[in-house]
Amino acid sequence: GEALPEETLQEATWHANHCDLLIVVGSSLVVYPAAYMPFYAKQSGAKLVIVNLTSTQSDRIADVVIHASAGEVMGRILAEVKQRLSGCV
């Protein structure tokens, strides 16, 4: 993994500490410090959803874990959102 710029890391940490829901898609969560984000979110009371083909170290704290292809899951979510929003103006 490539090192994140400090400003980017600080911003991500702030958002993780202030979100209501964190959705992690397609990450094994093994590269730090980015892998801390699920823990920051949970400590702040957020719900955590993990979508990844394989298990991650954060699965144990997640509210929802989906072991499937990120592309497949996100495609299904996008289709559902489009369907629900099709009646909205």
PDB file of N, CA and C in Angstrom:
ATOM      1  N   GLY A   1       0.802  -1.182   0.000  1.00  0.00           N
ATOM      2  CA  GLY A   1       0.000   0.000   0.000  1.00  0.00           C
ATOM      3  C   GLY A   1       0.846   1.246   0.000  1.00  0.00           C
ATOM      4  N   GLU A   2       0.337   2.223  -0.666  1.00  0.00           N
ATOM      5  CA  GLU A   2       0.995   3.514  -0.777  1.00  0.00           C
ATOM      6  C   GLU A   2       0.629   4.374   0.421  1.00  0.00           C
ATOM      7  N   ALA A   3       1.591   5.151   0.920  1.00  0.00           N
ATOM      8  CA  ALA A   3       1.334   6.029   2.061  1.00  0.00           C
ATOM      9  C   ALA A   3       0.349   7.127   1.658  1.00  0.00           C
ATOM     10  N   LEU A   4      -0.616   7.381   2.536  1.00  0.00           N
ATOM     11  CA  LEU A   4      -1.572   8.456   2.294  1.00  0.00           C
ATOM     12  C   LEU A   4      -0.960   9.782   2.709  1.00  0.00           C
ATOM     13  N   PRO A   5      -1.267  10.854   1.979  1.00  0.00           N
ATOM     14  CA  PRO A   5      -0.843  12.173   2.445  1.00  0.00           C
ATOM     15  C   PRO A   5      -1.463  12.445   3.817  1.00  0.00           C
ATOM     16  N   GLU A   6      -0.733  13.120   4.678  1.00  0.00           N
ATOM     17  CA  GLU A   6      -1.190  13.376   6.047  1.00  0.00           C
ATOM     18  C   GLU A   6      -2.554  14.061   6.081  1.00  0.00           C
ATOM     19  N   GLU A   7      -2.758  15.038   5.215  1.00  0.00           N
ATOM     20  CA  GLU A   7      -4.038  15.757   5.191  1.00  0.00           C
ATOM     21  C   GLU A   7      -5.196  14.815   4.843  1.00  0.00           C
ATOM     22  N   THR A   8      -4.983  13.929   3.905  1.00  0.00           N
ATOM     23  CA  THR A   8      -6.002  12.952   3.512  1.00  0.00           C
ATOM     24  C   THR A   8      -6.317  12.020   4.672  1.00  0.00           C
ATOM     25  N   LEU A   9      -5.293  11.566   5.356  1.00  0.00           N
ATOM     26  CA  LEU A   9      -5.478  10.677   6.503  1.00  0.00           C
ATOM     27  C   LEU A   9      -6.244  11.374   7.623  1.00  0.00           C
ATOM     28  N   GLN A  10      -5.903  12.625   7.896  1.00  0.00           N
ATOM     29  CA  GLN A  10      -6.612  13.378   8.938  1.00  0.00           C
ATOM     30  C   GLN A  10      -8.082  13.568   8.581  1.00  0.00           C
ATOM     31  N   GLU A  11      -8.342  13.863   7.322  1.00  0.00           N
ATOM     32  CA  GLU A  11      -9.728  14.047   6.881  1.00  0.00           C
ATOM     33  C   GLU A  11     -10.512  12.738   6.977  1.00  0.00           C
ATOM     34  N   ALA A  12      -9.907  11.640   6.557  1.00  0.00           N
ATOM     35  CA  ALA A  12     -10.566  10.332   6.641  1.00  0.00           C
ATOM     36  C   ALA A  12     -10.856   9.963   8.092  1.00  0.00           C
ATOM     37  N   THR A  13      -9.908  10.245   8.968  1.00  0.00           N
ATOM     38  CA  THR A  13     -10.088   9.953  10.394  1.00  0.00           C
ATOM     39  C   THR A  13     -11.230  10.782  10.968  1.00  0.00           C
ATOM     40  N   TRP A  14     -11.291  12.061  10.600  1.00  0.00           N
ATOM     41  CA  TRP A  14     -12.375  12.916  11.083  1.00  0.00           C
ATOM     42  C   TRP A  14     -13.716  12.347  10.638  1.00  0.00           C
ATOM     43  N   HIS A  15     -13.819  11.993   9.367  1.00  0.00           N
ATOM     44  CA  HIS A  15     -15.085  11.456   8.848  1.00  0.00           C
ATOM     45  C   HIS A  15     -15.445  10.130   9.523  1.00  0.00           C
ATOM     46  N   ALA A  16     -14.466   9.273   9.747  1.00  0.00           N
ATOM     47  CA  ALA A  16     -14.730   7.995  10.422  1.00  0.00           C
ATOM     48  C   ALA A  16     -15.247   8.225  11.836  1.00  0.00           C
ATOM     49  N   ASN A  17     -14.742   9.252  12.489  1.00  0.00           N
ATOM     50  CA  ASN A  17     -15.164   9.560  13.856  1.00  0.00           C
ATOM     51  C   ASN A  17     -16.505  10.281  13.926  1.00  0.00           C
ATOM     52  N   HIS A  18     -17.017  10.747  12.793  1.00  0.00           N
ATOM     53  CA  HIS A  18     -18.261  11.522  12.795  1.00  0.00           C
ATOM     54  C   HIS A  18     -19.360  10.934  11.906  1.00  0.00           C
ATOM     55  N   CYS A  19     -19.149   9.759  11.360  1.00  0.00           N
ATOM     56  CA  CYS A  19     -20.161   9.179  10.467  1.00  0.00           C
ATOM     57  C   CYS A  19     -21.194   8.367  11.255  1.00  0.00           C
ATOM     58  N   ASP A  20     -22.345   8.167  10.640  1.00  0.00           N
ATOM     59  CA  ASP A  20     -23.382   7.296  11.196  1.00  0.00           C
ATOM     60  C   ASP A  20     -23.234   5.877  10.659  1.00  0.00           C
ATOM     61  N   LEU A  21     -22.662   5.776   9.460  1.00  0.00           N
ATOM     62  CA  LEU A  21     -22.515   4.496   8.773  1.00  0.00           C
ATOM     63  C   LEU A  21     -21.222   4.514   7.974  1.00  0.00           C
ATOM     64  N   LEU A  22     -20.422   3.466   8.125  1.00  0.00           N
ATOM     65  CA  LEU A  22     -19.214   3.308   7.311  1.00  0.00           C
ATOM     66  C   LEU A  22     -19.368   2.025   6.512  1.00  0.00           C
ATOM     67  N   ILE A  23     -19.259   2.150   5.191  1.00  0.00           N
ATOM     68  CA  ILE A  23     -19.330   0.989   4.313  1.00  0.00           C
ATOM     69  C   ILE A  23     -17.946   0.789   3.705  1.00  0.00           C
ATOM     70  N   VAL A  24     -17.347  -0.350   3.986  1.00  0.00           N
ATOM     71  CA  VAL A  24     -16.033  -0.696   3.447  1.00  0.00           C
ATOM     72  C   VAL A  24     -16.269  -1.681   2.309  1.00  0.00           C
ATOM     73  N   VAL A  25     -15.813  -1.326   1.109  1.00  0.00           N
ATOM     74  CA  VAL A  25     -16.071  -2.152  -0.070  1.00  0.00           C
ATOM     75  C   VAL A  25     -14.751  -2.557  -0.721  1.00  0.00           C
ATOM     76  N   GLY A  26     -14.534  -3.863  -0.822  1.00  0.00           N
ATOM     77  CA  GLY A  26     -13.391  -4.378  -1.554  1.00  0.00           C
ATOM     78  C   GLY A  26     -12.044  -4.085  -0.942  1.00  0.00           C
ATOM     79  N   SER A  27     -11.955  -4.130   0.372  1.00  0.00           N
ATOM     80  CA  SER A  27     -10.673  -3.908   1.046  1.00  0.00           C
ATOM     81  C   SER A  27     -10.419  -5.024   2.045  1.00  0.00           C
ATOM     82  N   SER A  28      -9.199  -5.525   2.054  1.00  0.00           N
ATOM     83  CA  SER A  28      -8.836  -6.560   3.031  1.00  0.00           C
ATOM     84  C   SER A  28      -8.522  -5.956   4.390  1.00  0.00           C
ATOM     85  N   LEU A  29      -8.432  -4.629   4.458  1.00  0.00           N
ATOM     86  CA  LEU A  29      -8.173  -3.903   5.707  1.00  0.00           C
ATOM     87  C   LEU A  29      -6.897  -4.379   6.404  1.00  0.00           C
ATOM     88  N   VAL A  30      -5.838  -4.531   5.644  1.00  0.00           N
ATOM     89  CA  VAL A  30      -4.564  -4.939   6.234  1.00  0.00           C
ATOM     90  C   VAL A  30      -3.513  -3.833   6.178  1.00  0.00           C
ATOM     91  N   VAL A  31      -3.794  -2.743   5.474  1.00  0.00           N
ATOM     92  CA  VAL A  31      -2.832  -1.651   5.354  1.00  0.00           C
ATOM     93  C   VAL A  31      -3.189  -0.551   6.350  1.00  0.00           C
ATOM     94  N   TYR A  32      -2.257  -0.271   7.233  1.00  0.00           N
ATOM     95  CA  TYR A  32      -2.457   0.777   8.232  1.00  0.00           C
ATOM     96  C   TYR A  32      -1.764   2.043   7.762  1.00  0.00           C
ATOM     97  N   PRO A  33      -2.269   3.195   8.158  1.00  0.00           N
ATOM     98  CA  PRO A  33      -3.282   3.466   9.171  1.00  0.00           C
ATOM     99  C   PRO A  33      -4.725   3.433   8.661  1.00  0.00           C
ATOM    100  N   ALA A  34      -4.934   3.270   7.360  1.00  0.00           N
ATOM    101  CA  ALA A  34      -6.303   3.260   6.829  1.00  0.00           C
ATOM    102  C   ALA A  34      -7.152   2.151   7.440  1.00  0.00           C
ATOM    103  N   ALA A  35      -6.546   1.041   7.819  1.00  0.00           N
ATOM    104  CA  ALA A  35      -7.291  -0.084   8.393  1.00  0.00           C
ATOM    105  C   ALA A  35      -7.888   0.240   9.760  1.00  0.00           C
ATOM    106  N   TYR A  36      -7.479   1.344  10.359  1.00  0.00           N
ATOM    107  CA  TYR A  36      -8.057   1.756  11.642  1.00  0.00           C
ATOM    108  C   TYR A  36      -9.448   2.368  11.483  1.00  0.00           C
ATOM    109  N   MET A  37      -9.799   2.824  10.283  1.00  0.00           N
ATOM    110  CA  MET A  37     -11.046   3.572  10.089  1.00  0.00           C
ATOM    111  C   MET A  37     -12.288   2.836  10.597  1.00  0.00           C
ATOM    112  N   PRO A  38     -12.450   1.530  10.343  1.00  0.00           N
ATOM    113  CA  PRO A  38     -13.622   0.848  10.894  1.00  0.00           C
ATOM    114  C   PRO A  38     -13.677   0.902  12.425  1.00  0.00           C
ATOM    115  N   PHE A  39     -12.532   0.814  13.070  1.00  0.00           N
ATOM    116  CA  PHE A  39     -12.496   0.866  14.535  1.00  0.00           C
ATOM    117  C   PHE A  39     -12.872   2.260  15.038  1.00  0.00           C
ATOM    118  N   TYR A  40     -12.373   3.304  14.367  1.00  0.00           N
ATOM    119  CA  TYR A  40     -12.741   4.671  14.748  1.00  0.00           C
ATOM    120  C   TYR A  40     -14.250   4.867  14.616  1.00  0.00           C
ATOM    121  N   ALA A  41     -14.810   4.399  13.513  1.00  0.00           N
ATOM    122  CA  ALA A  41     -16.246   4.564  13.281  1.00  0.00           C
ATOM    123  C   ALA A  41     -17.064   3.851  14.356  1.00  0.00           C
ATOM    124  N   LYS A  42     -16.717   2.609  14.654  1.00  0.00           N
ATOM    125  CA  LYS A  42     -17.460   1.845  15.666  1.00  0.00           C
ATOM    126  C   LYS A  42     -17.339   2.491  17.042  1.00  0.00           C
ATOM    127  N   GLN A  43     -16.146   2.971  17.395  1.00  0.00           N
ATOM    128  CA  GLN A  43     -15.950   3.623  18.693  1.00  0.00           C
ATOM    129  C   GLN A  43     -16.805   4.873  18.824  1.00  0.00           C
ATOM    130  N   SER A  44     -17.137   5.478  17.691  1.00  0.00           N
ATOM    131  CA  SER A  44     -17.954   6.688  17.696  1.00  0.00           C
ATOM    132  C   SER A  44     -19.442   6.390  17.556  1.00  0.00           C
ATOM    133  N   GLY A  45     -19.795   5.103  17.532  1.00  0.00           N
ATOM    134  CA  GLY A  45     -21.202   4.720  17.500  1.00  0.00           C
ATOM    135  C   GLY A  45     -21.781   4.457  16.126  1.00  0.00           C
ATOM    136  N   ALA A  46     -20.963   4.451  15.098  1.00  0.00           N
ATOM    137  CA  ALA A  46     -21.458   4.216  13.739  1.00  0.00           C
ATOM    138  C   ALA A  46     -21.740   2.738  13.501  1.00  0.00           C
ATOM    139  N   LYS A  47     -22.593   2.468  12.552  1.00  0.00           N
ATOM    140  CA  LYS A  47     -22.804   1.113  12.051  1.00  0.00           C
ATOM    141  C   LYS A  47     -21.711   0.840  11.018  1.00  0.00           C
ATOM    142  N   LEU A  48     -21.313  -0.427  10.904  1.00  0.00           N
ATOM    143  CA  LEU A  48     -20.233  -0.805  10.000  1.00  0.00           C
ATOM    144  C   LEU A  48     -20.685  -1.935   9.090  1.00  0.00           C
ATOM    145  N   VAL A  49     -20.529  -1.726   7.783  1.00  0.00           N
ATOM    146  CA  VAL A  49     -20.833  -2.740   6.779  1.00  0.00           C
ATOM    147  C   VAL A  49     -19.543  -3.035   6.019  1.00  0.00           C
ATOM    148  N   ILE A  50     -19.208  -4.314   5.885  1.00  0.00           N
ATOM    149  CA  ILE A  50     -18.015  -4.712   5.144  1.00  0.00           C
ATOM    150  C   ILE A  50     -18.429  -5.617   3.993  1.00  0.00           C
ATOM    151  N   VAL A  51     -17.995  -5.246   2.783  1.00  0.00           N
ATOM    152  CA  VAL A  51     -18.227  -6.050   1.586  1.00  0.00           C
ATOM    153  C   VAL A  51     -16.851  -6.434   1.048  1.00  0.00           C
ATOM    154  N   ASN A  52     -16.510  -7.711   1.112  1.00  0.00           N
ATOM    155  CA  ASN A  52     -15.212  -8.179   0.633  1.00  0.00           C
ATOM    156  C   ASN A  52     -15.306  -9.673   0.337  1.00  0.00           C
ATOM    157  N   LEU A  53     -14.536 -10.124  -0.622  1.00  0.00           N
ATOM    158  CA  LEU A  53     -14.550 -11.550  -0.963  1.00  0.00           C
ATOM    159  C   LEU A  53     -14.108 -12.426   0.198  1.00  0.00           C
ATOM    160  N   THR A  54     -13.119 -11.964   0.948  1.00  0.00           N
ATOM    161  CA  THR A  54     -12.558 -12.759   2.039  1.00  0.00           C
ATOM    162  C   THR A  54     -12.781 -12.067   3.374  1.00  0.00           C
ATOM    163  N   SER A  55     -12.574 -12.795   4.437  1.00  0.00           N
ATOM    164  CA  SER A  55     -12.711 -12.244   5.784  1.00  0.00           C
ATOM    165  C   SER A  55     -11.686 -11.145   6.025  1.00  0.00           C
ATOM    166  N   THR A  56     -12.048 -10.220   6.904  1.00  0.00           N
ATOM    167  CA  THR A  56     -11.125  -9.169   7.326  1.00  0.00           C
ATOM    168  C   THR A  56     -11.051  -9.186   8.845  1.00  0.00           C
ATOM    169  N   GLN A  57     -10.052  -8.513   9.378  1.00  0.00           N
ATOM    170  CA  GLN A  57      -9.918  -8.437  10.828  1.00  0.00           C
ATOM    171  C   GLN A  57     -11.051  -7.625  11.462  1.00  0.00           C
ATOM    172  N   SER A  58     -11.739  -6.819  10.668  1.00  0.00           N
ATOM    173  CA  SER A  58     -12.830  -6.002  11.192  1.00  0.00           C
ATOM    174  C   SER A  58     -14.187  -6.690  11.117  1.00  0.00           C
ATOM    175  N   ASP A  59     -14.257  -7.874  10.515  1.00  0.00           N
ATOM    176  CA  ASP A  59     -15.536  -8.597  10.432  1.00  0.00           C
ATOM    177  C   ASP A  59     -16.162  -8.779  11.809  1.00  0.00           C
ATOM    178  N   ARG A  60     -15.347  -8.996  12.806  1.00  0.00           N
ATOM    179  CA  ARG A  60     -15.860  -9.286  14.156  1.00  0.00           C
ATOM    180  C   ARG A  60     -16.576  -8.094  14.792  1.00  0.00           C
ATOM    181  N   ILE A  61     -16.284  -6.883  14.327  1.00  0.00           N
ATOM    182  CA  ILE A  61     -16.949  -5.709  14.898  1.00  0.00           C
ATOM    183  C   ILE A  61     -18.019  -5.146  13.969  1.00  0.00           C
ATOM    184  N   ALA A  62     -18.139  -5.717  12.779  1.00  0.00           N
ATOM    185  CA  ALA A  62     -19.083  -5.201  11.783  1.00  0.00           C
ATOM    186  C   ALA A  62     -20.520  -5.570  12.130  1.00  0.00           C
ATOM    187  N   ASP A  63     -21.436  -4.708  11.748  1.00  0.00           N
ATOM    188  CA  ASP A  63     -22.860  -4.973  11.923  1.00  0.00           C
ATOM    189  C   ASP A  63     -23.383  -5.859  10.798  1.00  0.00           C
ATOM    190  N   VAL A  64     -22.805  -5.691   9.611  1.00  0.00           N
ATOM    191  CA  VAL A  64     -23.167  -6.508   8.457  1.00  0.00           C
ATOM    192  C   VAL A  64     -21.883  -6.861   7.712  1.00  0.00           C
ATOM    193  N   VAL A  65     -21.722  -8.144   7.386  1.00  0.00           N
ATOM    194  CA  VAL A  65     -20.581  -8.610   6.594  1.00  0.00           C
ATOM    195  C   VAL A  65     -21.128  -9.359   5.389  1.00  0.00           C
ATOM    196  N   ILE A  66     -20.674  -8.970   4.206  1.00  0.00           N
ATOM    197  CA  ILE A  66     -21.086  -9.636   2.977  1.00  0.00           C
ATOM    198  C   ILE A  66     -19.827 -10.145   2.292  1.00  0.00           C
ATOM    199  N   HIS A  67     -19.677 -11.463   2.249  1.00  0.00           N
ATOM    200  CA  HIS A  67     -18.530 -12.055   1.561  1.00  0.00           C
ATOM    201  C   HIS A  67     -18.938 -12.360   0.125  1.00  0.00           C
ATOM    202  N   ALA A  68     -18.667 -11.397  -0.740  1.00  0.00           N
ATOM    203  CA  ALA A  68     -19.006 -11.507  -2.159  1.00  0.00           C
ATOM    204  C   ALA A  68     -18.171 -10.492  -2.921  1.00  0.00           C
ATOM    205  N   SER A  69     -18.243 -10.571  -4.231  1.00  0.00           N
ATOM    206  CA  SER A  69     -17.534  -9.633  -5.091  1.00  0.00           C
ATOM    207  C   SER A  69     -18.063  -8.216  -4.883  1.00  0.00           C
ATOM    208  N   ALA A  70     -17.148  -7.275  -4.700  1.00  0.00           N
ATOM    209  CA  ALA A  70     -17.542  -5.881  -4.515  1.00  0.00           C
ATOM    210  C   ALA A  70     -18.340  -5.386  -5.719  1.00  0.00           C
ATOM    211  N   GLY A  71     -17.897  -5.737  -6.927  1.00  0.00           N
ATOM    212  CA  GLY A  71     -18.600  -5.313  -8.134  1.00  0.00           C
ATOM    213  C   GLY A  71     -20.009  -5.856  -8.207  1.00  0.00           C
ATOM    214  N   GLU A  72     -20.177  -7.118  -7.831  1.00  0.00           N
ATOM    215  CA  GLU A  72     -21.500  -7.744  -7.849  1.00  0.00           C
ATOM    216  C   GLU A  72     -22.431  -7.074  -6.839  1.00  0.00           C
ATOM    217  N   VAL A  73     -21.945  -6.892  -5.630  1.00  0.00           N
ATOM    218  CA  VAL A  73     -22.777  -6.306  -4.571  1.00  0.00           C
ATOM    219  C   VAL A  73     -23.126  -4.860  -4.900  1.00  0.00           C
ATOM    220  N   MET A  74     -22.141  -4.079  -5.316  1.00  0.00           N
ATOM    221  CA  MET A  74     -22.409  -2.679  -5.616  1.00  0.00           C
ATOM    222  C   MET A  74     -23.316  -2.548  -6.836  1.00  0.00           C
ATOM    223  N   GLY A  75     -23.174  -3.449  -7.801  1.00  0.00           N
ATOM    224  CA  GLY A  75     -24.075  -3.448  -8.951  1.00  0.00           C
ATOM    225  C   GLY A  75     -25.517  -3.686  -8.540  1.00  0.00           C
ATOM    226  N   ARG A  76     -25.717  -4.607  -7.611  1.00  0.00           N
ATOM    227  CA  ARG A  76     -27.075  -4.899  -7.128  1.00  0.00           C
ATOM    228  C   ARG A  76     -27.630  -3.720  -6.329  1.00  0.00           C
ATOM    229  N   ILE A  77     -26.777  -3.091  -5.523  1.00  0.00           N
ATOM    230  CA  ILE A  77     -27.214  -1.921  -4.751  1.00  0.00           C
ATOM    231  C   ILE A  77     -27.585  -0.786  -5.699  1.00  0.00           C
ATOM    232  N   LEU A  78     -26.752  -0.540  -6.706  1.00  0.00           N
ATOM    233  CA  LEU A  78     -27.033   0.520  -7.672  1.00  0.00           C
ATOM    234  C   LEU A  78     -28.350   0.265  -8.397  1.00  0.00           C
ATOM    235  N   ALA A  79     -28.584  -0.965  -8.804  1.00  0.00           N
ATOM    236  CA  ALA A  79     -29.833  -1.306  -9.485  1.00  0.00           C
ATOM    237  C   ALA A  79     -31.035  -1.041  -8.577  1.00  0.00           C
ATOM    238  N   GLU A  80     -30.917  -1.409  -7.319  1.00  0.00           N
ATOM    239  CA  GLU A  80     -32.009  -1.185  -6.364  1.00  0.00           C
ATOM    240  C   GLU A  80     -32.253   0.304  -6.142  1.00  0.00           C
ATOM    241  N   VAL A  81     -31.181   1.070  -5.995  1.00  0.00           N
ATOM    242  CA  VAL A  81     -31.315   2.519  -5.802  1.00  0.00           C
ATOM    243  C   VAL A  81     -31.968   3.153  -7.027  1.00  0.00           C
ATOM    244  N   LYS A  82     -31.522   2.778  -8.215  1.00  0.00           N
ATOM    245  CA  LYS A  82     -32.117   3.321  -9.443  1.00  0.00           C
ATOM    246  C   LYS A  82     -33.603   3.001  -9.517  1.00  0.00           C
ATOM    247  N   GLN A  83     -33.963   1.768  -9.158  1.00  0.00           N
ATOM    248  CA  GLN A  83     -35.367   1.372  -9.200  1.00  0.00           C
ATOM    249  C   GLN A  83     -36.187   2.197  -8.216  1.00  0.00           C
ATOM    250  N   ARG A  84     -35.674   2.372  -7.025  1.00  0.00           N
ATOM    251  CA  ARG A  84     -36.426   3.119  -6.010  1.00  0.00           C
ATOM    252  C   ARG A  84     -36.521   4.603  -6.339  1.00  0.00           C
ATOM    253  N   LEU A  85     -35.486   5.140  -6.996  1.00  0.00           N
ATOM    254  CA  LEU A  85     -35.488   6.561  -7.329  1.00  0.00           C
ATOM    255  C   LEU A  85     -36.190   6.865  -8.640  1.00  0.00           C
ATOM    256  N   SER A  86     -36.531   5.860  -9.413  1.00  0.00           N
ATOM    257  CA  SER A  86     -37.138   6.090 -10.728  1.00  0.00           C
ATOM    258  C   SER A  86     -38.475   6.813 -10.623  1.00  0.00           C
ATOM    259  N   GLY A  87     -39.152   6.667  -9.523  1.00  0.00           N
ATOM    260  CA  GLY A  87     -40.429   7.342  -9.336  1.00  0.00           C
ATOM    261  C   GLY A  87     -40.288   8.728  -8.735  1.00  0.00           C
ATOM    262  N   CYS A  88     -39.073   9.099  -8.354  1.00  0.00           N
ATOM    263  CA  CYS A  88     -38.833  10.413  -7.744  1.00  0.00           C
ATOM    264  C   CYS A  88     -38.552  11.450  -8.822  1.00  0.00           C
ATOM    265  N   VAL A  89     -38.956  12.687  -8.538  1.00  0.00           N
ATOM    266  CA  VAL A  89     -38.694  13.783  -9.488  1.00  0.00           C
ATOM    267  C   VAL A  89     -37.637  14.678  -8.924  1.00  0.00           C
TER     268      VAL A  89
END
